């Protein structure tokens, strides 16, 4: 049986190459269903579909850490855009934890730990 991995990469060629090579080394077939889609269309569709993404890591050289703990919403993507960062975080501006959505049986309960700042990264650890 062929094993496979699905990646959310959108359009950064280096990410595609890295993931494809890692999968090939592990004898895993790589899928990229979002490849070459519009970043703006994807993030707005994600929000409209009812997913809850919580911003947990911010690269403070690209985006201010006041976005930590925010839920990805139209207001949040407006704020991200106003700072000149990519609204999808495709360039590493932020990382998120998806805690709910239409494919979830129930929301994942969690809380945040104390903010940690290391080098240019600020993060909120996820706790139960």
N, C-alpha and C. Protein backbone atom coordinates (compact mmCIF):
# COMPACT_ATOMS: atom_id res chain seq x y z
N UNK A 1 0.84 -1.18 0.00
CA UNK A 1 0.00 0.00 0.00
C UNK A 1 0.89 1.24 0.00
N UNK A 2 0.60 2.18 -0.89
CA UNK A 2 1.36 3.42 -0.99
C UNK A 2 0.96 4.39 0.12
N UNK A 3 1.95 4.89 0.83
CA UNK A 3 1.70 5.92 1.84
C UNK A 3 1.74 7.28 1.16
N UNK A 4 0.98 8.23 1.72
CA UNK A 4 0.97 9.55 1.12
C UNK A 4 0.95 10.62 2.20
N UNK A 5 1.35 11.82 1.79
CA UNK A 5 1.35 12.99 2.67
C UNK A 5 0.72 14.14 1.91
N UNK A 6 -0.04 14.94 2.61
CA UNK A 6 -0.70 16.08 2.01
C UNK A 6 -0.09 17.36 2.59
N UNK A 7 0.30 18.29 1.73
CA UNK A 7 0.93 19.53 2.16
C UNK A 7 0.04 20.71 1.81
N UNK A 8 0.05 21.73 2.66
CA UNK A 8 -0.72 22.94 2.43
C UNK A 8 0.07 24.03 1.74
N UNK A 9 1.21 23.69 1.16
CA UNK A 9 2.00 24.71 0.48
C UNK A 9 1.23 25.27 -0.71
N UNK A 10 1.42 26.57 -0.95
CA UNK A 10 0.63 27.26 -1.98
C UNK A 10 1.46 27.58 -3.22
N UNK A 11 2.61 28.25 -3.03
CA UNK A 11 3.31 28.69 -4.24
C UNK A 11 4.79 28.98 -4.06
N UNK A 12 5.38 28.53 -2.98
CA UNK A 12 6.81 28.76 -2.79
C UNK A 12 7.56 27.52 -3.27
N UNK A 13 8.26 27.69 -4.36
CA UNK A 13 8.92 26.57 -5.05
C UNK A 13 9.86 25.80 -4.12
N UNK A 14 10.59 26.51 -3.26
CA UNK A 14 11.51 25.83 -2.35
C UNK A 14 10.80 24.89 -1.39
N UNK A 15 9.60 25.28 -0.94
CA UNK A 15 8.81 24.41 -0.06
C UNK A 15 8.38 23.15 -0.80
N UNK A 16 7.93 23.34 -2.03
CA UNK A 16 7.50 22.20 -2.86
C UNK A 16 8.65 21.21 -3.05
N UNK A 17 9.81 21.73 -3.40
CA UNK A 17 10.97 20.87 -3.64
C UNK A 17 11.38 20.13 -2.36
N UNK A 18 11.44 20.86 -1.23
CA UNK A 18 11.85 20.25 0.04
C UNK A 18 10.89 19.13 0.43
N UNK A 19 9.60 19.43 0.42
CA UNK A 19 8.61 18.43 0.83
C UNK A 19 8.61 17.23 -0.11
N UNK A 20 8.71 17.49 -1.40
CA UNK A 20 8.74 16.41 -2.39
C UNK A 20 9.95 15.51 -2.15
N UNK A 21 11.12 16.11 -1.90
CA UNK A 21 12.34 15.32 -1.66
C UNK A 21 12.25 14.50 -0.38
N UNK A 22 11.74 15.10 0.70
CA UNK A 22 11.61 14.38 1.97
C UNK A 22 10.66 13.20 1.81
N UNK A 23 9.55 13.43 1.14
CA UNK A 23 8.58 12.36 0.92
C UNK A 23 9.18 11.24 0.06
N UNK A 24 9.91 11.63 -0.97
CA UNK A 24 10.53 10.64 -1.85
C UNK A 24 11.52 9.76 -1.07
N UNK A 25 12.32 10.39 -0.20
CA UNK A 25 13.27 9.64 0.62
C UNK A 25 12.56 8.64 1.55
N UNK A 26 11.37 8.99 1.98
CA UNK A 26 10.60 8.14 2.90
C UNK A 26 9.64 7.22 2.15
N UNK A 27 9.72 7.21 0.83
CA UNK A 27 8.82 6.41 -0.01
C UNK A 27 7.35 6.75 0.25
N UNK A 28 7.09 8.06 0.30
CA UNK A 28 5.74 8.58 0.51
C UNK A 28 5.39 9.43 -0.70
N UNK A 29 4.17 9.28 -1.19
CA UNK A 29 3.70 10.10 -2.29
C UNK A 29 3.22 11.44 -1.74
N UNK A 30 3.71 12.53 -2.32
CA UNK A 30 3.36 13.88 -1.86
C UNK A 30 2.21 14.46 -2.69
N UNK A 31 1.25 15.06 -1.99
CA UNK A 31 0.13 15.74 -2.64
C UNK A 31 0.14 17.21 -2.24
N UNK A 32 -0.16 18.08 -3.18
CA UNK A 32 -0.18 19.52 -2.96
C UNK A 32 -1.49 20.08 -3.52
N UNK A 33 -2.60 19.86 -2.83
CA UNK A 33 -3.90 20.27 -3.38
C UNK A 33 -4.11 21.78 -3.49
N UNK A 34 -3.33 22.57 -2.78
CA UNK A 34 -3.50 24.03 -2.82
C UNK A 34 -2.52 24.71 -3.78
N UNK A 35 -1.66 23.93 -4.40
CA UNK A 35 -0.60 24.48 -5.21
C UNK A 35 -1.13 25.40 -6.31
N UNK A 36 -0.57 26.62 -6.34
CA UNK A 36 -0.86 27.65 -7.33
C UNK A 36 -2.26 28.26 -7.21
N UNK A 37 -2.92 28.04 -6.08
CA UNK A 37 -4.20 28.71 -5.82
C UNK A 37 -3.93 30.13 -5.33
N UNK A 38 -4.93 30.98 -5.39
CA UNK A 38 -4.81 32.35 -4.90
C UNK A 38 -4.73 32.35 -3.37
N UNK A 39 -3.70 32.99 -2.83
CA UNK A 39 -3.56 33.05 -1.37
C UNK A 39 -4.79 33.71 -0.74
N UNK A 40 -5.20 34.83 -1.28
CA UNK A 40 -6.35 35.55 -0.71
C UNK A 40 -7.61 34.70 -0.78
N UNK A 41 -7.85 34.06 -1.90
CA UNK A 41 -9.03 33.20 -2.05
C UNK A 41 -9.02 32.07 -1.02
N UNK A 42 -7.86 31.46 -0.84
CA UNK A 42 -7.76 30.34 0.09
C UNK A 42 -8.04 30.74 1.53
N UNK A 43 -7.45 31.83 2.00
CA UNK A 43 -7.64 32.22 3.39
C UNK A 43 -9.08 32.66 3.64
N UNK A 44 -9.67 33.36 2.69
CA UNK A 44 -11.06 33.79 2.85
C UNK A 44 -12.02 32.59 2.80
N UNK A 45 -11.74 31.63 1.96
CA UNK A 45 -12.56 30.41 1.90
C UNK A 45 -12.45 29.63 3.20
N UNK A 46 -11.26 29.53 3.75
CA UNK A 46 -11.01 28.84 5.01
C UNK A 46 -11.86 29.45 6.13
N UNK A 47 -11.86 30.76 6.20
CA UNK A 47 -12.64 31.47 7.22
C UNK A 47 -14.14 31.26 6.98
N UNK A 48 -14.58 31.44 5.72
CA UNK A 48 -16.00 31.33 5.38
C UNK A 48 -16.54 29.92 5.64
N UNK A 49 -15.69 28.91 5.50
CA UNK A 49 -16.12 27.53 5.73
C UNK A 49 -16.32 27.23 7.21
N UNK A 50 -15.85 28.12 8.08
CA UNK A 50 -16.10 27.96 9.51
C UNK A 50 -14.97 27.33 10.31
N UNK A 51 -13.77 27.34 9.76
CA UNK A 51 -12.63 26.84 10.53
C UNK A 51 -12.16 27.88 11.53
N UNK A 52 -11.60 27.42 12.64
CA UNK A 52 -11.04 28.31 13.65
C UNK A 52 -9.54 28.06 13.73
N UNK A 53 -8.77 29.04 13.27
CA UNK A 53 -7.31 28.97 13.34
C UNK A 53 -6.84 30.01 14.33
N UNK A 54 -6.05 29.57 15.30
CA UNK A 54 -5.55 30.42 16.37
C UNK A 54 -4.07 30.70 16.10
N UNK A 55 -3.70 31.97 16.02
CA UNK A 55 -2.31 32.33 15.73
C UNK A 55 -1.47 32.07 16.98
N UNK A 56 -0.48 31.18 16.84
CA UNK A 56 0.32 30.74 17.98
C UNK A 56 1.79 31.13 17.89
N UNK A 57 2.28 31.45 16.70
CA UNK A 57 3.68 31.85 16.51
C UNK A 57 3.72 33.01 15.53
N UNK A 58 4.54 33.99 15.84
CA UNK A 58 4.71 35.15 14.96
C UNK A 58 6.20 35.42 14.79
N UNK A 59 6.61 35.62 13.55
CA UNK A 59 7.96 36.09 13.26
C UNK A 59 7.90 37.60 13.36
N UNK A 60 8.44 38.15 14.43
CA UNK A 60 8.29 39.58 14.73
C UNK A 60 9.07 40.48 13.76
N UNK A 61 9.89 39.91 12.89
CA UNK A 61 10.53 40.72 11.86
C UNK A 61 9.57 40.94 10.68
N UNK A 62 8.47 40.19 10.68
CA UNK A 62 7.51 40.28 9.58
C UNK A 62 6.12 40.73 10.01
N UNK A 63 5.80 40.51 11.31
CA UNK A 63 4.46 40.78 11.81
C UNK A 63 4.55 41.03 13.32
N UNK A 64 3.79 42.00 13.81
CA UNK A 64 3.86 42.32 15.24
C UNK A 64 3.25 41.20 16.09
N UNK A 65 3.78 41.06 17.30
CA UNK A 65 3.32 39.97 18.16
C UNK A 65 1.95 40.23 18.80
N UNK A 66 1.34 41.38 18.50
CA UNK A 66 -0.02 41.58 19.01
C UNK A 66 -1.02 40.66 18.29
N UNK A 67 -0.57 39.97 17.26
CA UNK A 67 -1.42 38.99 16.57
C UNK A 67 -1.45 37.64 17.28
N UNK A 68 -0.54 37.44 18.23
CA UNK A 68 -0.54 36.18 18.99
C UNK A 68 -1.89 35.99 19.68
N UNK A 69 -2.44 34.80 19.55
CA UNK A 69 -3.70 34.48 20.20
C UNK A 69 -4.93 34.91 19.42
N UNK A 70 -4.75 35.67 18.35
CA UNK A 70 -5.89 36.08 17.55
C UNK A 70 -6.44 34.89 16.77
N UNK A 71 -7.73 34.91 16.54
CA UNK A 71 -8.36 33.93 15.66
C UNK A 71 -8.35 34.51 14.26
N UNK A 72 -7.99 33.70 13.28
CA UNK A 72 -7.96 34.16 11.90
C UNK A 72 -9.39 34.51 11.48
N UNK A 73 -9.59 35.78 11.16
CA UNK A 73 -10.90 36.31 10.78
C UNK A 73 -10.68 37.39 9.74
N UNK A 74 -11.77 37.92 9.21
CA UNK A 74 -11.64 39.03 8.26
C UNK A 74 -10.91 40.20 8.90
N UNK A 75 -11.20 40.49 10.18
CA UNK A 75 -10.54 41.60 10.87
C UNK A 75 -9.05 41.31 11.05
N UNK A 76 -8.72 40.06 11.36
CA UNK A 76 -7.32 39.69 11.56
C UNK A 76 -6.56 39.77 10.25
N UNK A 77 -7.13 39.28 9.16
CA UNK A 77 -6.39 39.35 7.90
C UNK A 77 -6.25 40.80 7.44
N UNK A 78 -7.20 41.65 7.78
CA UNK A 78 -7.06 43.09 7.48
C UNK A 78 -5.87 43.67 8.24
N UNK A 79 -5.76 43.31 9.53
CA UNK A 79 -4.66 43.79 10.35
C UNK A 79 -3.31 43.28 9.83
N UNK A 80 -3.27 42.02 9.46
CA UNK A 80 -2.04 41.42 8.91
C UNK A 80 -1.65 42.15 7.62
N UNK A 81 -2.63 42.36 6.77
CA UNK A 81 -2.39 43.05 5.49
C UNK A 81 -1.89 44.47 5.70
N UNK A 82 -2.46 45.17 6.68
CA UNK A 82 -2.05 46.55 6.96
C UNK A 82 -0.60 46.63 7.40
N UNK A 83 -0.07 45.55 7.99
CA UNK A 83 1.35 45.53 8.37
C UNK A 83 2.25 45.10 7.23
N UNK A 84 1.65 44.80 6.07
CA UNK A 84 2.43 44.43 4.90
C UNK A 84 2.84 42.97 4.87
N UNK A 85 2.23 42.15 5.71
CA UNK A 85 2.55 40.72 5.75
C UNK A 85 1.55 39.94 4.89
N UNK A 86 1.92 38.72 4.55
CA UNK A 86 1.04 37.85 3.77
C UNK A 86 -0.08 37.33 4.65
N UNK A 87 -1.33 37.45 4.18
CA UNK A 87 -2.47 37.06 5.00
C UNK A 87 -2.56 35.55 5.23
N UNK A 88 -1.89 34.77 4.41
CA UNK A 88 -1.86 33.32 4.62
C UNK A 88 -0.69 32.89 5.51
N UNK A 89 0.25 33.79 5.73
CA UNK A 89 1.44 33.42 6.49
C UNK A 89 2.35 32.49 5.71
N UNK A 90 2.20 32.46 4.41
CA UNK A 90 2.94 31.52 3.56
C UNK A 90 4.45 31.74 3.62
N UNK A 91 4.87 32.95 3.95
CA UNK A 91 6.30 33.25 4.03
C UNK A 91 6.84 33.09 5.45
N UNK A 92 6.06 32.50 6.34
CA UNK A 92 6.49 32.29 7.71
C UNK A 92 6.15 33.42 8.66
N UNK A 93 5.28 34.34 8.24
CA UNK A 93 4.91 35.46 9.10
C UNK A 93 4.27 34.97 10.40
N UNK A 94 3.45 33.93 10.29
CA UNK A 94 2.79 33.37 11.46
C UNK A 94 2.50 31.89 11.23
N UNK A 95 2.25 31.20 12.33
CA UNK A 95 1.80 29.80 12.30
C UNK A 95 0.56 29.73 13.17
N UNK A 96 -0.30 28.78 12.86
CA UNK A 96 -1.56 28.69 13.59
C UNK A 96 -1.88 27.26 13.96
N UNK A 97 -2.82 27.14 14.88
CA UNK A 97 -3.34 25.87 15.36
C UNK A 97 -4.83 25.87 15.07
N UNK A 98 -5.30 24.92 14.28
CA UNK A 98 -6.71 24.85 13.93
C UNK A 98 -7.41 24.01 14.99
N UNK A 99 -8.35 24.65 15.67
CA UNK A 99 -9.01 23.98 16.80
C UNK A 99 -10.46 23.60 16.54
N UNK A 100 -11.02 24.03 15.42
CA UNK A 100 -12.41 23.69 15.13
C UNK A 100 -12.69 23.92 13.65
N UNK A 101 -13.74 23.29 13.19
CA UNK A 101 -14.16 23.45 11.81
C UNK A 101 -15.20 22.43 11.44
N UNK A 102 -15.72 22.52 10.24
CA UNK A 102 -16.82 21.65 9.82
C UNK A 102 -16.46 20.16 9.75
N UNK A 103 -15.19 19.83 9.67
CA UNK A 103 -14.81 18.42 9.63
C UNK A 103 -14.46 17.87 11.02
N UNK A 104 -14.54 18.71 12.05
CA UNK A 104 -14.26 18.31 13.43
C UNK A 104 -15.53 17.78 14.06
N UNK A 105 -15.41 16.74 14.89
CA UNK A 105 -16.56 16.25 15.65
C UNK A 105 -16.93 17.22 16.76
N UNK A 106 -15.93 17.89 17.30
CA UNK A 106 -16.11 18.89 18.35
C UNK A 106 -14.87 19.75 18.40
N UNK A 107 -14.99 20.97 18.96
CA UNK A 107 -13.81 21.84 19.07
C UNK A 107 -12.77 21.22 20.01
N UNK A 108 -11.51 21.41 19.70
CA UNK A 108 -10.44 20.92 20.56
C UNK A 108 -10.25 21.91 21.71
N UNK A 109 -10.45 21.44 22.94
CA UNK A 109 -10.26 22.36 24.07
C UNK A 109 -8.77 22.61 24.30
N UNK A 110 -8.41 23.84 24.57
CA UNK A 110 -7.02 24.18 24.83
C UNK A 110 -6.95 25.52 25.53
N UNK A 111 -5.79 25.81 26.06
CA UNK A 111 -5.51 27.14 26.60
C UNK A 111 -4.08 27.47 26.19
N UNK A 112 -3.70 28.71 26.41
CA UNK A 112 -2.34 29.13 26.09
C UNK A 112 -1.50 29.20 27.35
N UNK A 113 -0.22 28.85 27.20
CA UNK A 113 0.74 29.07 28.27
C UNK A 113 1.26 30.50 28.17
N UNK A 114 2.27 30.77 28.95
CA UNK A 114 2.89 32.10 28.94
C UNK A 114 3.64 32.34 27.62
N UNK A 115 3.58 33.57 27.13
CA UNK A 115 4.27 33.92 25.90
C UNK A 115 5.78 33.69 26.05
N UNK A 116 6.35 33.11 25.00
CA UNK A 116 7.79 32.86 24.94
C UNK A 116 8.36 33.64 23.75
N UNK A 117 9.43 34.38 23.98
CA UNK A 117 10.11 35.09 22.91
C UNK A 117 11.51 34.52 22.79
N UNK A 118 11.85 34.07 21.59
CA UNK A 118 13.18 33.51 21.33
C UNK A 118 13.62 34.00 19.96
N UNK A 119 14.73 34.69 19.94
CA UNK A 119 15.21 35.34 18.72
C UNK A 119 14.09 36.23 18.19
N UNK A 120 13.72 36.09 16.91
CA UNK A 120 12.68 36.95 16.37
C UNK A 120 11.29 36.35 16.47
N UNK A 121 11.17 35.22 17.14
CA UNK A 121 9.88 34.54 17.22
C UNK A 121 9.22 34.72 18.58
N UNK A 122 7.93 35.02 18.54
CA UNK A 122 7.11 35.07 19.75
C UNK A 122 6.07 33.97 19.59
N UNK A 123 5.85 33.22 20.66
CA UNK A 123 4.86 32.13 20.56
C UNK A 123 4.08 31.97 21.83
N UNK A 124 2.90 31.42 21.66
CA UNK A 124 2.04 31.06 22.77
C UNK A 124 1.95 29.53 22.78
N UNK A 125 2.54 28.88 23.77
CA UNK A 125 2.43 27.42 23.82
C UNK A 125 0.98 27.00 24.02
N UNK A 126 0.61 25.90 23.40
CA UNK A 126 -0.73 25.36 23.55
C UNK A 126 -0.74 24.34 24.69
N UNK A 127 -1.68 24.50 25.60
CA UNK A 127 -1.83 23.60 26.75
C UNK A 127 -3.22 22.99 26.71
N UNK A 128 -3.38 21.89 27.43
CA UNK A 128 -4.72 21.28 27.54
C UNK A 128 -5.58 22.07 28.47
